[in-house]
Amino acid sequence: MIFYFSGTGNSKGIAEHLARELGDRTADIISTEPKACRGETEERIGFVFPVYGYVAPAVMLEFARQVTTNGAYTFAVPTFSNAAGCTLEHFSQTACRLDGGFGIKMPDNMPVFNKVVETRETALRKLRSAIPRLEQVTEWIRDHRKGFDIYYGPEPEKKTWEGGVRYLAENPFKTAPYHAEPELCIACGLCQQVCPAEVIAIEDGRPVWTKTECHMCMACLNHCPTEAIQYGEYSVGKYRYLFRGFDLSRY
């Protein structure tokens, strides 16, 4: 069984590829009861997720703590845009013990910083490089390879155990900056449909964020067909990203 958490498709796409190649199954953790999976019926149990601030998303950590592995080969495949720090070590020590872990660099979906994080050109370069990497990772998992293979980046321990852990504790995923530009919003309701945290309601034909915090997966912002949804002023005019498969002609 391969569990995944995905806002804009990177982790979902990788989980589904692994499942096809390995003859396995996938499950979106948002709609799955973790205790329904018991390791005695599984050859392997995997977790595929994006890296947030050098750690796994809180929702994935919480889910993984409840999964019963019972001797199955356990692995994780984090997706990250630049560096992953000690994400795998933190996950293995605080959520679910891992036998193996293999990172894959993928395009960034968070245009919410005071800089350009991703462009179409950089996204295509990452996707192109991810194809052979995914094939390699698939074979490692098939062989039940042990150990971690990921790009840690500079000062990985500090980035994860100081920065990342504090990042999780402070829960910075605030919804207040989200808003929809009224002149662009077409009242399609897609943002509400794709929100895994279920924090969006449609009122008078416009999205309203009904809770103060969310998973910060960027599904609403990147799925919006007219780019009406913004996160403060940071996302205005920046590249939006959705995973459309590894056929680069689709981007």
Protein backbone atom coordinates (compact mmCIF):
# COMPACT_ATOMS: atom_id res chain seq x y z
CA MET A 1 0.00 0.00 0.00
CA ILE A 2 1.29 3.46 -0.90
CA PHE A 3 -0.19 6.38 1.01
CA TYR A 4 0.12 9.89 -0.38
CA PHE A 5 -0.72 13.48 0.42
CA SER A 6 -0.86 15.83 -2.55
CA GLY A 7 -2.26 19.27 -3.27
CA THR A 8 -1.27 19.84 -6.87
CA GLY A 9 -0.36 16.37 -8.05
CA ASN A 10 3.39 15.76 -7.65
CA SER A 11 3.11 13.21 -4.87
CA LYS A 12 -0.09 11.69 -6.25
CA GLY A 13 1.51 11.21 -9.65
CA ILE A 14 4.59 9.58 -8.18
CA ALA A 15 2.55 7.32 -5.90
CA GLU A 16 0.42 6.18 -8.82
CA HIS A 17 3.48 5.51 -10.98
CA LEU A 18 5.06 3.43 -8.22
CA ALA A 19 1.83 1.50 -7.72
CA ARG A 20 1.53 0.69 -11.45
CA GLU A 21 5.12 -0.49 -11.71
CA LEU A 22 5.11 -2.45 -8.45
CA GLY A 23 1.62 -3.94 -8.71
CA ASP A 24 0.57 -2.07 -5.61
CA ARG A 25 -2.30 0.15 -4.48
CA THR A 26 -2.50 3.84 -3.58
CA ALA A 27 -4.56 5.66 -0.99
CA ASP A 28 -5.05 9.38 -0.47
CA ILE A 29 -4.58 9.92 3.27
CA ILE A 30 -7.30 12.59 3.31
CA SER A 31 -9.96 9.97 2.60
CA THR A 32 -8.33 6.95 4.25
CA GLU A 33 -8.57 5.54 7.75
CA PRO A 34 -4.94 4.81 8.74
CA LYS A 35 -5.78 1.91 11.01
CA ALA A 36 -7.51 0.16 8.12
CA CYS A 37 -4.08 -0.82 6.81
CA ARG A 38 -2.33 -3.58 8.73
CA GLY A 39 1.15 -4.59 7.69
CA GLU A 40 0.60 -8.33 7.90
CA THR A 41 -1.38 -8.10 4.66
CA GLU A 42 1.13 -5.86 2.87
CA GLU A 43 4.52 -6.61 1.31
CA ARG A 44 5.43 -2.95 1.56
CA ILE A 45 4.02 0.24 3.02
CA GLY A 46 5.03 3.56 1.51
CA PHE A 47 4.45 7.23 2.13
CA VAL A 48 4.73 9.84 -0.63
CA PHE A 49 4.50 13.50 0.35
CA PRO A 50 5.86 16.99 -0.34
CA VAL A 51 8.52 18.51 1.92
CA TYR A 52 7.39 21.61 3.83
CA GLY A 53 10.19 23.54 5.51
CA TYR A 54 12.52 20.49 5.67
CA VAL A 55 9.90 18.22 7.27
CA ALA A 56 6.90 16.19 6.16
CA PRO A 57 3.49 17.92 6.33
CA ALA A 58 1.88 17.67 9.76
CA VAL A 59 -1.14 15.88 8.29
CA MET A 60 1.12 13.12 6.90
CA LEU A 61 3.09 12.78 10.14
CA GLU A 62 -0.13 12.40 12.11
CA PHE A 63 -1.46 9.80 9.66
CA ALA A 64 1.76 7.75 9.59
CA ARG A 65 1.84 7.50 13.39
CA GLN A 66 -1.39 5.49 13.25
CA VAL A 67 -0.40 3.01 10.55
CA THR A 68 0.39 -0.52 11.71
CA THR A 69 3.32 -1.92 9.72
CA ASN A 70 3.85 -5.36 11.32
CA GLY A 71 7.09 -6.18 9.55
CA ALA A 72 6.25 -4.85 6.08
CA TYR A 73 9.04 -3.07 4.18
CA THR A 74 8.47 0.62 4.88
CA PHE A 75 9.64 3.46 2.67
CA ALA A 76 9.02 7.13 1.96
CA VAL A 77 9.41 9.17 -1.20
CA PRO A 78 9.47 12.88 -0.38
CA THR A 79 9.12 15.38 -3.22
CA PHE A 80 11.01 18.64 -2.82
CA SER A 81 11.93 21.64 -4.95
CA ASN A 82 15.44 22.50 -3.72
CA ALA A 83 16.68 20.54 -0.69
CA ALA A 84 15.04 18.18 1.79
CA GLY A 85 17.20 18.46 4.89
CA CYS A 86 16.74 15.56 7.32
CA THR A 87 13.09 15.05 6.38
CA LEU A 88 13.49 11.27 6.20
CA GLU A 89 15.28 10.97 9.54
CA HIS A 90 12.67 13.14 11.24
CA PHE A 91 9.83 11.10 9.70
CA SER A 92 11.42 7.80 10.69
CA GLN A 93 12.05 8.91 14.26
CA THR A 94 8.79 10.72 14.97
CA ALA A 95 6.11 9.15 12.72
CA CYS A 96 6.86 5.70 11.26
CA ARG A 97 10.15 3.83 11.23
CA LEU A 98 11.45 3.63 7.68
CA ASP A 99 13.54 0.93 6.06
CA GLY A 100 14.21 3.09 3.02
CA GLY A 101 13.70 6.63 1.79
CA PHE A 102 14.34 8.18 -1.62
CA GLY A 103 13.78 11.83 -2.56
CA ILE A 104 12.70 13.17 -5.94
CA LYS A 105 13.14 16.81 -6.92
CA MET A 106 9.93 18.21 -8.44
CA PRO A 107 8.56 21.66 -9.33
CA ASP A 108 7.54 24.00 -6.53
CA ASN A 109 3.84 24.85 -6.16
CA MET A 110 4.12 27.68 -3.59
CA PRO A 111 4.34 31.11 -5.27
CA VAL A 112 3.90 32.76 -1.87
CA PHE A 113 7.31 34.22 -1.18
CA ASN A 114 8.82 37.59 -1.94
CA LYS A 115 10.79 36.11 -4.82
CA VAL A 116 10.24 34.02 -7.93
CA VAL A 117 10.54 30.40 -6.80
CA GLU A 118 9.56 28.62 -10.02
CA THR A 119 8.99 29.39 -13.68
CA ARG A 120 7.70 27.21 -16.49
CA GLU A 121 11.27 26.70 -17.69
CA THR A 122 12.63 25.63 -14.30
CA ALA A 123 9.60 23.39 -13.74
CA LEU A 124 10.22 21.61 -17.05
CA ARG A 125 13.88 21.07 -16.18
CA LYS A 126 12.94 19.46 -12.88
CA LEU A 127 10.33 17.23 -14.50
CA ARG A 128 12.79 16.14 -17.16
CA SER A 129 15.34 15.15 -14.51
CA ALA A 130 12.69 13.47 -12.37
CA ILE A 131 11.86 10.85 -15.01
CA PRO A 132 15.07 8.76 -14.74
CA ARG A 133 15.19 9.39 -10.99
CA LEU A 134 11.71 7.93 -10.58
CA GLU A 135 12.71 4.85 -12.56
CA GLN A 136 15.70 4.38 -10.25
CA VAL A 137 13.61 4.85 -7.12
CA THR A 138 11.07 2.34 -8.41
CA GLU A 139 13.76 -0.33 -8.75
CA TRP A 140 15.17 0.43 -5.30
CA ILE A 141 11.73 -0.04 -3.75
CA ARG A 142 11.15 -3.22 -5.77
CA ASP A 143 14.41 -4.55 -4.30
CA HIS A 144 13.47 -3.38 -0.78
CA ARG A 145 16.61 -1.30 -0.63
CA LYS A 146 17.48 0.01 2.81
CA GLY A 147 18.88 3.41 3.72
CA PHE A 148 18.19 6.94 2.54
CA ASP A 149 19.10 8.60 -0.74
CA ILE A 150 18.04 12.25 -0.96
CA TYR A 151 19.56 15.67 -1.49
CA TYR A 152 20.02 17.02 2.02
CA GLY A 153 21.35 20.48 1.16
CA PRO A 154 23.55 22.59 3.45
CA GLU A 155 23.18 22.30 7.24
CA PRO A 156 20.44 19.66 7.00
CA GLU A 157 20.30 18.86 10.72
CA LYS A 158 19.85 22.50 11.65
CA LYS A 159 17.33 23.08 8.86
CA THR A 160 15.13 20.20 10.02
CA TRP A 161 15.63 19.77 13.75
CA GLU A 162 15.68 23.49 14.53
CA GLY A 163 13.92 25.25 11.66
CA GLY A 164 11.56 22.51 10.51
CA VAL A 165 10.44 21.34 13.92
CA ARG A 166 9.79 24.92 15.00
CA TYR A 167 7.97 25.47 11.72
CA LEU A 168 5.61 22.60 12.57
CA ALA A 169 5.11 23.75 16.16
CA GLU A 170 4.23 27.30 15.14
CA ASN A 171 1.77 26.02 12.52
CA PRO A 172 2.26 28.93 10.13
CA PHE A 173 -0.37 27.76 7.67
CA LYS A 174 -2.68 30.71 8.06
CA THR A 175 -5.56 31.21 5.67
CA ALA A 176 -5.99 34.96 6.30
CA PRO A 177 -3.88 36.02 3.26
CA TYR A 178 -6.02 33.94 0.87
CA HIS A 179 -8.54 35.85 -1.17
CA ALA A 180 -10.17 35.75 -4.60
CA GLU A 181 -9.96 38.75 -6.88
CA PRO A 182 -13.63 39.49 -7.68
CA GLU A 183 -12.97 40.64 -11.23
CA LEU A 184 -11.30 37.30 -12.05
CA CYS A 185 -13.36 34.81 -10.03
CA ILE A 186 -15.91 32.96 -12.20
CA ALA A 187 -17.65 31.26 -9.25
CA CYS A 188 -16.80 27.76 -10.52
CA GLY A 189 -16.39 26.33 -7.02
CA LEU A 190 -13.33 24.29 -7.99
CA CYS A 191 -11.30 25.65 -5.07
CA GLN A 192 -13.84 24.27 -2.62
CA GLN A 193 -13.86 20.89 -4.36
CA VAL A 194 -10.08 20.39 -4.29
CA CYS A 195 -9.38 21.67 -0.75
CA PRO A 196 -8.25 18.65 1.34
CA ALA A 197 -8.63 20.62 4.58
CA GLU A 198 -12.26 21.50 3.77
CA VAL A 199 -11.82 25.11 4.82
CA ILE A 200 -13.40 26.77 1.77
CA ALA A 201 -17.07 27.64 1.45
CA ILE A 202 -18.79 29.38 -1.44
CA GLU A 203 -20.80 32.37 -0.32
CA ASP A 204 -22.57 34.63 -2.81
CA GLY A 205 -20.68 32.83 -5.55
CA ARG A 206 -17.23 33.56 -4.09
CA PRO A 207 -14.82 31.46 -1.99
CA VAL A 208 -14.52 32.19 1.72
CA TRP A 209 -11.90 30.56 3.95
CA THR A 210 -13.86 29.40 6.98
CA LYS A 211 -10.98 28.37 9.28
CA THR A 212 -7.84 30.19 10.34
CA GLU A 213 -5.47 27.36 9.34
CA CYS A 214 -5.16 24.80 6.56
CA HIS A 215 -2.65 22.28 5.14
CA MET A 216 -1.07 24.99 2.93
CA CYS A 217 -1.05 22.55 0.03
CA MET A 218 -1.79 25.32 -2.51
CA ALA A 219 -4.47 23.23 -4.24
CA CYS A 220 -6.95 26.10 -4.34
CA LEU A 221 -4.49 28.63 -5.69
CA ASN A 222 -2.97 26.43 -8.37
CA HIS A 223 -6.21 24.80 -9.55
CA CYS A 224 -7.98 28.13 -10.03
CA PRO A 225 -8.60 28.34 -13.82
CA THR A 226 -8.49 32.14 -13.93
CA GLU A 227 -5.72 32.69 -11.33
CA ALA A 228 -8.22 34.63 -9.24
CA ILE A 229 -7.03 33.18 -5.94
CA GLN A 230 -4.08 34.97 -4.36
CA TYR A 231 -2.08 34.55 -1.18
CA GLY A 232 -1.63 38.15 -0.11
CA GLU A 233 0.32 40.04 -2.74
CA TYR A 234 3.11 37.47 -3.01
CA SER A 235 1.43 35.21 -5.56
CA VAL A 236 0.29 37.96 -7.96
CA GLY A 237 1.69 37.33 -11.43
CA LYS A 238 3.75 34.32 -10.40
CA TYR A 239 3.84 30.94 -12.14
CA ARG A 240 1.12 28.48 -11.13
CA TYR A 241 1.88 24.77 -11.23
CA LEU A 242 -0.16 21.58 -11.52
CA PHE A 243 1.35 18.18 -12.23
CA ARG A 244 0.03 16.96 -15.60
CA GLY A 245 2.18 13.88 -15.96
CA PHE A 246 5.64 13.47 -17.41
CA ASP A 247 4.60 14.31 -20.98
CA LEU A 248 6.26 17.73 -21.07
CA SER A 249 4.17 18.85 -24.04
CA ARG A 250 1.23 19.23 -21.61
CA TYR A 251 2.82 22.18 -19.81
